[in-house]
């Protein structure tokens, strides 16, 4: 736990006194929360001074921070913490200590987020079927491109690495981590759990986008010709839903890229067949695989490595294992071996690290495993060097400078991607440091930040007041708040100072800034991946 944000302000109680580390007398206790079955537990934990971030510089965050480690608390229950300083007390909100808290509290809501983001489907209580005129090819020919998910607070559908195909892969990773838990939820009573319904919804959309002649994928679906996609309206009024009129959405020229859809199709193919549902997803996965890898000759993509593992797991064909091994070797060779970024893959490398850990977990007896363990050990050393602060949140490497926050667009997906990779590395190495690092990245998103802002809508004590989402035009949903939404996140304050900036406005304009407050599928995709990697 980090004492910060409003906790610090409560302790200071509005006074301007500034204490130095040798002047602070702090006491930190964790007690059973009122109303819980037990009332006899109280523990005192060390409360060391941690200091300020960017102390005395133009980037100074303006608070003192303390980091308190009470991971020794193992007794399941509901608790609250209290900090005492100079006669002033601050209390935490109640929190739970038990196994699978992340899964129990957030995983199904994360699935529901995608359901509400569906395009071309009536979502009860939210919107009617929309964009039924998706979409025109660049030559003006109509192609049925209905379905999928609205990619963000707008209504586009992006065919890139972390688009619908990546979401399918993440949903199925969640299911693999806890199938019995997800099997409990079936809103339409069709015998298929909601998570698999959602994965199938996304898989069917990408199915429609596959090019018959090549096995590749069409490009993005933009909701309206030109920049008409910026129109701010409820979904069903965004176009007239009539094929052949002037506002038909358009498919961008060029090809899309969804390497994780290969692994998603392969895994979903088997899960549906086990339930008696015939499909040709495996055949489509192999066609996309051959197109994306140029027949297996191009091997350096972490996403294609992950999909190769899935194809080999399902088919047992040695060619996929060979490709996965060659990909792992190529990724190891890309690791930075010196300087400030030693241990990173590129400027950070969570995708490569996560893919390598996935290979080692899938093939524990492979000769490459020892090399991978050494590589991820060096990667962990790099990660920890970027997270040397009371929150444990990682910085971003930009050129020769490390910064906490981007100037233009929040990066919650990167933090959650790093948590996913670290969770897998922990499963491989059992190094407690990497588990702490993984949890710190997730905790930052869930509210362990200076604003105590939980960036997972519907959970925590304080969510963003509004979201940059066109759903705010739907009567009764004026906040634009879809349950489970994860927005972009913090950016530099005023775009300049490396302090946490977030648009907390409650009115005065149509919506808050997209830079901090817009939902985006990629954030929820990596949240599910992180939650599944930490469910062991």
Protein backbone atom coordinates (compact mmCIF):
# COMPACT_ATOMS: atom_id res chain seq x y z
CA UNK A 1 0.00 0.00 0.00
CA UNK A 2 1.19 3.53 -0.73
CA UNK A 3 0.12 6.44 1.44
CA UNK A 4 -0.43 9.20 -1.10
CA UNK A 5 -2.80 11.59 -2.75
CA UNK A 6 -5.78 12.42 -0.56
CA UNK A 7 -4.31 10.30 2.25
CA UNK A 8 -1.37 12.70 2.44
CA UNK A 9 -3.67 15.70 2.24
CA UNK A 10 -5.86 14.29 5.02
CA UNK A 11 -2.82 13.77 7.20
CA UNK A 12 -1.62 17.30 6.59
CA UNK A 13 -5.19 18.46 7.22
CA UNK A 14 -4.70 21.60 5.16
CA UNK A 15 -1.68 22.82 7.10
CA UNK A 16 1.36 24.11 5.25
CA UNK A 17 3.92 22.49 7.54
CA UNK A 18 6.54 20.46 5.65
CA UNK A 19 8.30 17.69 7.52
CA UNK A 20 11.69 16.24 6.73
CA UNK A 21 12.27 12.49 6.98
CA UNK A 22 13.85 12.78 10.42
CA UNK A 23 10.86 14.73 11.76
CA UNK A 24 8.06 12.35 10.80
CA UNK A 25 6.58 10.05 13.41
CA UNK A 26 4.23 7.65 11.60
CA UNK A 27 2.25 4.65 12.78
CA UNK A 28 0.50 2.28 10.35
CA UNK A 29 -2.01 -0.35 11.46
CA UNK A 30 -4.20 -2.86 9.62
CA UNK A 31 -7.40 -3.96 11.38
CA UNK A 32 -10.36 -6.15 10.54
CA UNK A 33 -12.99 -3.97 8.91
CA UNK A 34 -16.14 -3.17 10.92
CA UNK A 35 -18.91 -5.65 10.24
CA UNK A 36 -16.52 -8.48 9.39
CA UNK A 37 -16.78 -11.76 11.30
CA UNK A 38 -13.58 -11.14 13.30
CA UNK A 39 -12.79 -8.12 15.45
CA UNK A 40 -9.69 -9.25 17.28
CA UNK A 41 -6.97 -8.64 14.69
CA UNK A 42 -4.67 -5.66 14.73
CA UNK A 43 -1.14 -5.53 13.33
CA UNK A 44 1.44 -2.78 13.30
CA UNK A 45 3.61 -2.59 10.20
CA UNK A 46 6.81 -0.66 9.47
CA UNK A 47 6.09 2.77 8.03
CA UNK A 48 9.38 3.91 6.44
CA UNK A 49 9.68 7.33 4.83
CA UNK A 50 9.92 7.10 1.05
CA UNK A 51 10.20 10.75 0.06
CA UNK A 52 9.00 12.92 -2.79
CA UNK A 53 9.03 12.30 -6.52
CA UNK A 54 11.15 14.82 -8.45
CA UNK A 55 11.79 16.65 -5.17
CA UNK A 56 12.46 20.35 -5.66
CA UNK A 57 12.19 20.33 -9.45
CA UNK A 58 9.59 21.69 -11.84
CA UNK A 59 8.22 18.13 -12.08
CA UNK A 60 7.77 17.73 -8.29
CA UNK A 61 4.50 15.87 -7.67
CA UNK A 62 3.88 17.95 -4.55
CA UNK A 63 3.32 15.23 -1.95
CA UNK A 64 5.32 13.10 0.41
CA UNK A 65 4.83 9.37 -0.17
CA UNK A 66 5.26 6.32 2.01
CA UNK A 67 5.25 2.69 0.91
CA UNK A 68 4.06 0.13 3.42
CA UNK A 69 4.47 -3.59 2.87
CA UNK A 70 1.93 -5.74 4.69
CA UNK A 71 2.15 -8.74 2.37
CA UNK A 72 2.86 -10.83 5.47
CA UNK A 73 -0.85 -10.51 6.23
CA UNK A 74 -2.18 -13.89 5.07
CA UNK A 75 -5.43 -14.33 6.98
CA UNK A 76 -8.37 -14.01 4.54
CA UNK A 77 -10.82 -11.30 5.46
CA UNK A 78 -11.92 -7.71 4.99
CA UNK A 79 -9.62 -5.08 6.43
CA UNK A 80 -8.97 -1.39 6.64
CA UNK A 81 -5.72 0.46 7.28
CA UNK A 82 -5.09 3.55 9.36
CA UNK A 83 -2.11 5.88 9.38
CA UNK A 84 -1.37 8.19 12.35
CA UNK A 85 0.91 11.19 12.09
CA UNK A 86 1.39 14.20 14.35
CA UNK A 87 -1.99 13.57 16.01
CA UNK A 88 -3.84 13.29 12.69
CA UNK A 89 -5.35 10.05 11.39
CA UNK A 90 -6.29 8.88 7.88
CA UNK A 91 -8.22 5.69 7.12
CA UNK A 92 -8.29 3.58 4.00
CA UNK A 93 -11.40 2.22 2.39
CA UNK A 94 -12.11 -1.43 3.31
CA UNK A 95 -10.19 -3.98 1.27
CA UNK A 96 -10.20 -7.75 0.97
CA UNK A 97 -7.37 -10.20 1.49
CA UNK A 98 -8.08 -13.55 -0.13
CA UNK A 99 -7.19 -15.58 -3.18
CA UNK A 100 -8.62 -14.63 -6.59
CA UNK A 101 -9.82 -11.16 -5.50
CA UNK A 102 -8.96 -9.68 -8.90
CA UNK A 103 -10.88 -12.39 -10.71
CA UNK A 104 -13.89 -12.31 -8.39
CA UNK A 105 -14.26 -8.55 -8.35
CA UNK A 106 -13.51 -7.52 -11.91
CA UNK A 107 -13.26 -10.32 -14.49
CA UNK A 108 -16.94 -10.69 -15.42
CA UNK A 109 -17.43 -6.93 -15.52
CA UNK A 110 -14.47 -6.78 -17.89
CA UNK A 111 -16.32 -9.23 -20.15
CA UNK A 112 -19.54 -7.19 -19.87
CA UNK A 113 -17.63 -4.14 -21.12
CA UNK A 114 -17.15 -5.83 -24.48
CA UNK A 115 -20.80 -6.86 -24.63
CA UNK A 116 -21.90 -3.24 -24.24
CA UNK A 117 -19.33 -2.14 -26.85
CA UNK A 118 -20.85 -4.47 -29.46
CA UNK A 119 -21.56 -3.01 -32.88
CA UNK A 120 -24.47 -4.17 -35.05
CA UNK A 121 -26.30 -5.61 -32.05
CA UNK A 122 -29.01 -4.33 -29.73
CA UNK A 123 -27.59 -4.09 -26.23
CA UNK A 124 -30.52 -3.90 -23.77
CA UNK A 125 -30.48 -0.71 -21.74
CA UNK A 126 -27.83 0.85 -23.95
CA UNK A 127 -28.43 1.03 -27.68
CA UNK A 128 -30.27 -0.54 -30.59
CA UNK A 129 -28.57 -2.39 -33.43
CA UNK A 130 -26.27 0.06 -35.19
CA UNK A 131 -24.06 0.41 -38.27
CA UNK A 132 -26.00 -2.21 -40.19
CA UNK A 133 -24.60 -0.64 -43.36
CA UNK A 134 -21.00 -1.65 -42.59
CA UNK A 135 -19.16 -1.27 -44.97
CA UNK A 136 -17.95 -0.22 -48.42
CA UNK A 137 -14.66 -1.47 -49.84
CA UNK A 138 -12.34 1.16 -51.34
CA UNK A 139 -13.79 0.46 -54.81
CA UNK A 140 -17.32 1.15 -53.55
CA UNK A 141 -18.40 -2.51 -53.42
CA UNK A 142 -20.36 -3.41 -50.30
CA UNK A 143 -19.01 -6.08 -47.94
CA UNK A 144 -20.88 -7.36 -44.90
CA UNK A 145 -18.61 -6.05 -42.14
CA UNK A 146 -21.22 -5.88 -39.40
CA UNK A 147 -20.43 -6.99 -35.87
CA UNK A 148 -17.30 -6.62 -33.80
CA UNK A 149 -16.85 -3.99 -31.12
CA UNK A 150 -16.69 -0.21 -31.14
CA UNK A 151 -12.96 0.23 -30.67
CA UNK A 152 -13.09 3.19 -28.30
CA UNK A 153 -15.31 6.16 -27.53
CA UNK A 154 -15.86 6.40 -31.27
CA UNK A 155 -17.45 3.79 -33.53
CA UNK A 156 -14.51 2.69 -35.67
CA UNK A 157 -13.40 -0.94 -35.77
CA UNK A 158 -9.62 -1.18 -35.99
CA UNK A 159 -7.91 -4.14 -37.64
CA UNK A 160 -4.53 -3.91 -35.91
CA UNK A 161 -2.51 -6.01 -33.47
CA UNK A 162 -4.60 -5.05 -30.45
CA UNK A 163 -7.98 -4.85 -32.15
CA UNK A 164 -10.78 -7.40 -32.17
CA UNK A 165 -8.45 -10.34 -32.75
CA UNK A 166 -6.32 -9.39 -29.77
CA UNK A 167 -9.45 -9.10 -27.65
CA UNK A 168 -10.53 -12.63 -28.64
CA UNK A 169 -7.10 -13.94 -27.62
CA UNK A 170 -7.31 -12.12 -24.27
CA UNK A 171 -10.82 -13.36 -23.55
CA UNK A 172 -9.74 -16.93 -24.17
CA UNK A 173 -6.64 -16.47 -21.99
CA UNK A 174 -8.99 -15.42 -19.22
CA UNK A 175 -11.14 -18.48 -19.79
CA UNK A 176 -8.13 -20.80 -19.72
CA UNK A 177 -7.10 -19.41 -16.33
CA UNK A 178 -10.49 -20.10 -14.68
CA UNK A 179 -12.99 -21.99 -16.88
CA UNK A 180 -15.27 -23.11 -14.05
CA UNK A 181 -15.49 -19.56 -12.73
CA UNK A 182 -16.51 -18.09 -16.11
CA UNK A 183 -18.90 -20.98 -16.83
CA UNK A 184 -21.23 -19.56 -14.15
CA UNK A 185 -22.23 -16.59 -16.31
CA UNK A 186 -24.66 -17.12 -19.22
CA UNK A 187 -26.87 -14.07 -19.71
CA UNK A 188 -28.76 -15.43 -22.74
CA UNK A 189 -29.05 -19.01 -21.43
CA UNK A 190 -27.67 -20.53 -24.63
CA UNK A 191 -25.38 -22.97 -22.82
CA UNK A 192 -22.29 -20.96 -23.77
CA UNK A 193 -20.72 -18.82 -21.04
CA UNK A 194 -20.74 -15.09 -21.67
CA UNK A 195 -16.99 -14.99 -22.18
CA UNK A 196 -17.12 -17.55 -25.00
CA UNK A 197 -20.15 -15.80 -26.50
CA UNK A 198 -18.11 -12.62 -26.58
CA UNK A 199 -15.04 -14.32 -28.04
CA UNK A 200 -17.22 -15.88 -30.73
CA UNK A 201 -18.77 -12.47 -31.49
CA UNK A 202 -15.35 -10.98 -32.17
CA UNK A 203 -14.13 -14.04 -34.06
CA UNK A 204 -17.11 -13.88 -36.41
CA UNK A 205 -16.41 -10.25 -37.25
CA UNK A 206 -12.78 -10.95 -38.17
CA UNK A 207 -14.07 -13.98 -40.11
CA UNK A 208 -16.01 -11.52 -42.31
CA UNK A 209 -12.92 -9.41 -42.78
CA UNK A 210 -10.74 -12.25 -44.08
CA UNK A 211 -9.77 -11.92 -47.76
CA UNK A 212 -10.76 -15.14 -49.58
CA UNK A 213 -8.00 -14.91 -52.17
CA UNK A 214 -5.05 -14.50 -49.78
CA UNK A 215 -6.14 -15.41 -46.26
CA UNK A 216 -5.11 -11.92 -45.11
CA UNK A 217 -7.44 -9.40 -43.51
CA UNK A 218 -9.20 -6.26 -44.67
CA UNK A 219 -8.22 -2.98 -43.08
CA UNK A 220 -10.02 -0.74 -40.56
CA UNK A 221 -13.75 -0.05 -40.76
CA UNK A 222 -14.17 3.73 -40.45
CA UNK A 223 -17.63 4.86 -39.48
CA UNK A 224 -18.44 7.21 -42.32
CA UNK A 225 -16.65 8.56 -45.38
CA UNK A 226 -14.02 11.21 -44.77
CA UNK A 227 -14.03 12.26 -41.13
CA UNK A 228 -17.74 11.74 -40.61
CA UNK A 229 -16.84 9.15 -37.98
CA UNK A 230 -16.31 12.08 -35.60
CA UNK A 231 -20.06 12.68 -35.54
CA UNK A 232 -21.21 12.67 -31.92
CA UNK A 233 -24.44 10.68 -31.58
CA UNK A 234 -25.97 7.54 -30.16
CA UNK A 235 -24.84 4.43 -32.07
CA UNK A 236 -28.06 3.68 -33.97
CA UNK A 237 -28.29 7.26 -35.25
CA UNK A 238 -24.67 7.48 -36.37
CA UNK A 239 -25.58 6.16 -39.83
CA UNK A 240 -28.97 5.47 -41.41
CA UNK A 241 -28.28 1.69 -41.31
CA UNK A 242 -29.31 1.42 -44.99
CA UNK A 243 -26.85 -0.13 -47.43
CA UNK A 244 -26.08 2.00 -50.47
CA UNK A 245 -26.59 5.50 -49.08
CA UNK A 246 -24.06 8.30 -48.73
CA UNK A 247 -23.19 7.66 -45.09
CA UNK A 248 -22.15 4.03 -45.51
CA UNK A 249 -19.04 3.30 -43.42
CA UNK A 250 -15.87 2.61 -45.39
CA UNK A 251 -13.04 0.09 -45.22
CA UNK A 252 -9.61 1.68 -45.47
CA UNK A 253 -7.28 0.70 -48.32
CA UNK A 254 -4.53 -1.77 -47.53
CA UNK A 255 -4.49 -4.77 -45.20
CA UNK A 256 -5.25 -5.23 -41.56
CA UNK A 257 -2.95 -7.01 -39.13
CA UNK A 258 -4.26 -9.23 -36.36
CA UNK A 259 -1.64 -11.89 -35.50
CA UNK A 260 -3.28 -12.90 -32.22
CA UNK A 261 -6.48 -13.75 -34.10
CA UNK A 262 -4.63 -16.83 -35.36
CA UNK A 263 -4.18 -18.18 -31.84
CA UNK A 264 -7.65 -16.99 -30.89
CA UNK A 265 -9.34 -18.78 -33.78
CA UNK A 266 -7.35 -21.96 -33.08
CA UNK A 267 -8.23 -22.06 -29.39
CA UNK A 268 -11.88 -21.09 -29.95
CA UNK A 269 -12.25 -23.74 -32.65
CA UNK A 270 -11.51 -26.46 -30.14
CA UNK A 271 -13.61 -24.99 -27.33
CA UNK A 272 -16.68 -24.72 -29.57
CA UNK A 273 -16.24 -28.20 -31.03
CA UNK A 274 -16.09 -29.60 -27.49
CA UNK A 275 -19.59 -28.12 -27.10
CA UNK A 276 -20.87 -29.61 -30.35
CA UNK A 277 -20.59 -26.36 -32.34
CA UNK A 278 -19.08 -26.94 -35.76
CA UNK A 279 -16.88 -24.19 -37.18
CA UNK A 280 -14.01 -23.63 -39.58
CA UNK A 281 -11.99 -21.32 -37.35
CA UNK A 282 -8.93 -23.59 -37.40
CA UNK A 283 -8.83 -23.58 -41.19
CA UNK A 284 -9.12 -19.80 -41.20
CA UNK A 285 -6.37 -19.54 -38.60
CA UNK A 286 -4.03 -21.62 -40.75
CA UNK A 287 -4.78 -19.51 -43.82
CA UNK A 288 -4.08 -16.29 -41.91
CA UNK A 289 -0.96 -17.90 -40.41
CA UNK A 290 0.45 -18.77 -43.82
CA UNK A 291 -0.25 -15.26 -45.04
CA UNK A 292 1.20 -13.48 -41.99
CA UNK A 293 4.35 -15.62 -41.72
CA UNK A 294 4.96 -15.96 -45.46
CA UNK A 295 4.60 -19.70 -45.10
CA UNK A 296 6.48 -19.83 -41.81
CA UNK A 297 9.58 -18.03 -43.07
CA UNK A 298 9.25 -14.80 -41.06
CA UNK A 299 9.89 -15.45 -37.38
CA UNK A 300 10.44 -12.50 -35.07
CA UNK A 301 6.99 -11.43 -33.88
CA UNK A 302 5.97 -12.01 -30.24
CA UNK A 303 2.30 -12.16 -31.25
CA UNK A 304 2.98 -14.80 -33.91
CA UNK A 305 5.04 -16.75 -31.37
CA UNK A 306 2.02 -16.81 -29.06
CA UNK A 307 -0.20 -17.98 -31.93
CA UNK A 308 2.33 -20.64 -32.95
CA UNK A 309 2.12 -22.10 -29.44
CA UNK A 310 -1.67 -22.31 -29.79
CA UNK A 311 -1.48 -23.94 -33.22
CA UNK A 312 1.03 -26.52 -32.02
CA UNK A 313 -1.01 -27.21 -28.89
CA UNK A 314 -4.08 -27.92 -31.01
CA UNK A 315 -2.60 -29.70 -34.02
CA UNK A 316 0.61 -31.23 -32.68
CA UNK A 317 2.34 -30.36 -35.95
CA UNK A 318 6.09 -30.01 -35.52
CA UNK A 319 6.28 -27.08 -37.95
CA UNK A 320 4.52 -24.82 -35.46
CA UNK A 321 6.86 -25.79 -32.63
CA UNK A 322 9.83 -25.21 -34.91
CA UNK A 323 8.50 -21.78 -35.80
CA UNK A 324 7.91 -20.96 -32.13
CA UNK A 325 11.46 -22.00 -31.27
CA UNK A 326 12.93 -19.90 -34.10
CA UNK A 327 10.83 -16.96 -32.98
CA UNK A 328 12.02 -17.31 -29.39
CA UNK A 329 15.64 -17.38 -30.56
CA UNK A 330 15.06 -14.26 -32.66
CA UNK A 331 13.48 -12.40 -29.74
CA UNK A 332 16.31 -13.34 -27.36
CA UNK A 333 18.77 -11.98 -29.92
CA UNK A 334 16.94 -8.63 -29.88
CA UNK A 335 17.51 -8.04 -26.16
CA UNK A 336 19.54 -4.93 -25.36
CA UNK A 337 22.89 -5.97 -23.89
CA UNK A 338 24.33 -2.68 -22.63
CA UNK A 339 23.63 0.85 -21.52
CA UNK A 340 20.61 2.33 -19.81
CA UNK A 341 18.20 -0.09 -21.54
CA UNK A 342 20.16 -3.25 -20.76
CA UNK A 343 17.69 -6.12 -20.43
CA UNK A 344 14.92 -4.42 -22.41
CA UNK A 345 13.61 -5.52 -25.77
CA UNK A 346 13.64 -2.29 -27.75
CA UNK A 347 12.61 0.59 -25.49
CA UNK A 348 10.86 -1.74 -23.01
CA UNK A 349 9.66 -5.04 -24.43
CA UNK A 350 6.74 -6.42 -22.43
CA UNK A 351 5.32 -8.24 -25.47
CA UNK A 352 8.61 -10.01 -26.20
CA UNK A 353 9.16 -10.87 -22.54
CA UNK A 354 5.62 -12.21 -22.18
CA UNK A 355 5.91 -14.29 -25.34
CA UNK A 356 9.23 -15.78 -24.22
CA UNK A 357 7.82 -16.66 -20.80
CA UNK A 358 4.79 -18.23 -22.51
CA UNK A 359 7.10 -20.43 -24.61
CA UNK A 360 9.04 -21.57 -21.55
CA UNK A 361 5.84 -22.34 -19.63
CA UNK A 362 4.41 -24.28 -22.57
CA UNK A 363 7.61 -26.28 -23.19
CA UNK A 364 9.39 -26.57 -19.82
CA UNK A 365 11.83 -29.22 -21.09
CA UNK A 366 12.90 -27.35 -24.23
CA UNK A 367 16.65 -26.59 -24.46
CA UNK A 368 15.82 -22.87 -24.88
CA UNK A 369 14.22 -22.57 -21.45
CA UNK A 370 17.46 -21.81 -19.59
CA UNK A 371 18.29 -19.05 -22.07
CA UNK A 372 14.80 -17.66 -21.67
CA UNK A 373 15.07 -17.68 -17.88
CA UNK A 374 18.31 -15.70 -18.11
CA UNK A 375 16.77 -13.28 -20.60
CA UNK A 376 13.70 -12.59 -18.44
CA UNK A 377 15.92 -12.23 -15.36
CA UNK A 378 17.78 -9.42 -17.14
CA UNK A 379 14.47 -8.00 -18.31
CA UNK A 380 13.23 -7.96 -14.70
CA UNK A 381 16.34 -6.06 -13.60
CA UNK A 382 15.55 -3.48 -16.27
CA UNK A 383 11.88 -3.27 -15.22
CA UNK A 384 12.77 -2.69 -11.58
CA UNK A 385 15.16 0.08 -12.58
CA UNK A 386 12.21 1.92 -14.16
CA UNK A 387 9.96 1.44 -11.14
CA UNK A 388 12.14 2.74 -8.32
CA UNK A 389 9.49 4.92 -6.70
CA UNK A 390 6.98 4.50 -3.85
CA UNK A 391 4.22 3.36 -6.21
CA UNK A 392 6.37 0.87 -8.09
CA UNK A 393 4.86 2.22 -11.33
CA UNK A 394 7.14 1.92 -14.35
CA UNK A 395 8.43 4.83 -16.39
CA UNK A 396 8.49 5.20 -20.17
CA UNK A 397 11.78 5.36 -22.04
CA UNK A 398 11.80 8.16 -24.61
CA UNK A 399 15.16 8.65 -26.25
CA UNK A 400 17.70 9.24 -23.50
CA UNK A 401 15.10 10.26 -20.93
CA UNK A 402 12.77 8.29 -18.67
CA UNK A 403 9.35 9.83 -18.01
CA UNK A 404 6.39 8.63 -16.00
CA UNK A 405 3.73 9.98 -18.32
CA UNK A 406 3.32 10.47 -22.06
CA UNK A 407 2.49 13.99 -23.24
CA UNK A 408 -0.37 13.09 -25.54
CA UNK A 409 -2.25 9.89 -24.68
CA UNK A 410 -2.48 7.83 -21.51
CA UNK A 411 -0.74 4.47 -21.49
CA UNK A 412 -2.74 2.17 -19.24
CA UNK A 413 -2.44 -0.62 -21.81
CA UNK A 414 1.34 -0.51 -21.51
CA UNK A 415 1.25 -0.77 -17.73
CA UNK A 416 -1.20 -3.66 -17.94
CA UNK A 417 0.87 -5.32 -20.65
CA UNK A 418 3.87 -5.15 -18.35
CA UNK A 419 1.79 -6.68 -15.57
CA UNK A 420 0.81 -9.53 -17.93
CA UNK A 421 4.42 -10.25 -18.86
CA UNK A 422 5.54 -10.04 -15.23
CA UNK A 423 2.79 -12.40 -14.12
CA UNK A 424 3.98 -15.00 -16.61
CA UNK A 425 7.60 -14.48 -15.59
CA UNK A 426 6.60 -15.05 -11.97
CA UNK A 427 4.97 -18.35 -12.93
CA UNK A 428 8.25 -19.29 -14.61
CA UNK A 429 10.75 -18.09 -12.00
CA UNK A 430 8.84 -17.70 -8.69
CA UNK A 431 10.81 -14.48 -8.13
CA UNK A 432 8.82 -12.44 -5.59
CA UNK A 433 10.18 -9.18 -7.00
CA UNK A 434 8.49 -9.69 -10.35
CA UNK A 435 5.17 -10.51 -8.67
CA UNK A 436 5.37 -7.26 -6.71
CA UNK A 437 6.18 -5.38 -9.91
CA UNK A 438 3.20 -6.94 -11.72
CA UNK A 439 0.79 -6.09 -8.92
CA UNK A 440 2.09 -2.52 -8.71
CA UNK A 441 1.24 -1.88 -12.38
CA UNK A 442 -2.31 -3.22 -11.94
CA UNK A 443 -2.74 -1.40 -8.64
CA UNK A 444 -1.82 1.92 -10.25
CA UNK A 445 -4.72 1.47 -12.67
CA UNK A 446 -7.04 0.34 -9.88
CA UNK A 447 -6.42 3.35 -7.66
CA UNK A 448 -2.98 3.22 -6.04
CA UNK A 449 -2.04 6.59 -7.53
CA UNK A 450 -1.86 10.15 -6.17
CA UNK A 451 -5.51 10.87 -7.03
CA UNK A 452 -6.82 7.60 -5.55
CA UNK A 453 -8.49 7.29 -8.97
CA UNK A 454 -9.71 3.81 -9.86
CA UNK A 455 -9.57 3.63 -13.64
CA UNK A 456 -11.85 0.58 -13.80
CA UNK A 457 -15.40 1.88 -14.00
CA UNK A 458 -17.72 0.50 -11.35
CA UNK A 459 -15.04 -0.54 -8.88
CA UNK A 460 -13.00 1.33 -6.31
CA UNK A 461 -13.97 4.37 -4.29
CA UNK A 462 -13.46 7.07 -6.94
CA UNK A 463 -13.94 6.69 -10.71
CA UNK A 464 -13.50 9.35 -13.41
CA UNK A 465 -16.51 11.69 -13.28
CA UNK A 466 -17.03 11.38 -17.05
CA UNK A 467 -15.67 9.54 -20.06
CA UNK A 468 -14.88 10.64 -23.61
CA UNK A 469 -17.46 8.31 -25.13
CA UNK A 470 -20.29 8.91 -27.60
CA UNK A 471 -22.43 6.72 -25.38
CA UNK A 472 -22.89 9.84 -23.25
CA UNK A 473 -25.60 10.76 -25.77
CA UNK A 474 -27.65 7.75 -24.67
CA UNK A 475 -30.36 8.90 -22.22
CA UNK A 476 -29.51 7.73 -18.72
CA UNK A 477 -25.81 7.28 -19.55
CA UNK A 478 -24.68 10.91 -19.59
CA UNK A 479 -21.35 10.06 -17.94
CA UNK A 480 -20.51 7.79 -20.87
CA UNK A 481 -19.54 5.23 -18.25
CA UNK A 482 -19.62 1.65 -19.52
CA UNK A 483 -19.12 -0.78 -16.60
CA UNK A 484 -15.60 -2.17 -16.76
CA UNK A 485 -14.28 0.71 -18.86
CA UNK A 486 -10.56 1.39 -18.54
CA UNK A 487 -9.71 4.82 -20.00
CA UNK A 488 -6.40 5.94 -21.48
CA UNK A 489 -5.01 7.12 -18.15
CA UNK A 490 -2.66 9.76 -16.85
CA UNK A 491 -0.70 12.12 -19.07
CA UNK A 492 1.77 14.86 -18.23
CA UNK A 493 0.14 17.71 -16.40
CA UNK A 494 -0.68 20.42 -18.95
CA UNK A 495 1.27 18.28 -21.41
CA UNK A 496 4.55 19.59 -19.99
CA UNK A 497 5.39 18.69 -16.38
CA UNK A 498 6.00 14.99 -15.64
CA UNK A 499 3.29 15.00 -12.98
CA UNK A 500 0.07 12.94 -13.10
CA UNK A 501 -2.56 14.82 -15.09
CA UNK A 502 -6.13 13.61 -15.59
CA UNK A 503 -9.25 15.44 -16.79
CA UNK A 504 -11.60 15.30 -13.81
CA UNK A 505 -14.00 17.92 -15.17
CA UNK A 506 -17.69 17.36 -14.50
CA UNK A 507 -19.11 19.61 -17.20
CA UNK A 508 -18.54 22.68 -19.30
CA UNK A 509 -18.02 20.79 -22.54
CA UNK A 510 -19.38 17.79 -24.41
CA UNK A 511 -16.93 15.36 -22.88
CA UNK A 512 -13.60 15.27 -21.06
CA UNK A 513 -10.32 15.01 -22.96
CA UNK A 514 -9.78 11.89 -25.02
CA UNK A 515 -6.13 12.00 -23.91
CA UNK A 516 -6.99 10.74 -20.43
CA UNK A 517 -10.63 9.73 -20.47
CA UNK A 518 -11.43 7.75 -23.62
CA UNK A 519 -12.03 4.00 -23.33
CA UNK A 520 -10.14 1.81 -25.76
CA UNK A 521 -10.39 -1.93 -26.31
CA UNK A 522 -6.64 -2.39 -25.90
CA UNK A 523 -6.74 -1.38 -22.23
CA UNK A 524 -9.36 -3.99 -21.41
CA UNK A 525 -7.56 -6.53 -23.57
CA UNK A 526 -4.38 -6.23 -21.54
CA UNK A 527 -6.32 -6.07 -18.28
CA UNK A 528 -7.78 -9.51 -19.02
CA UNK A 529 -4.36 -10.82 -19.99
CA UNK A 530 -2.86 -9.46 -16.77
CA UNK A 531 -5.68 -10.83 -14.62
CA UNK A 532 -5.31 -14.26 -16.21
CA UNK A 533 -1.51 -14.28 -15.73
CA UNK A 534 -1.96 -13.36 -12.07
CA UNK A 535 -4.57 -16.04 -11.45
CA UNK A 536 -2.46 -19.03 -10.40
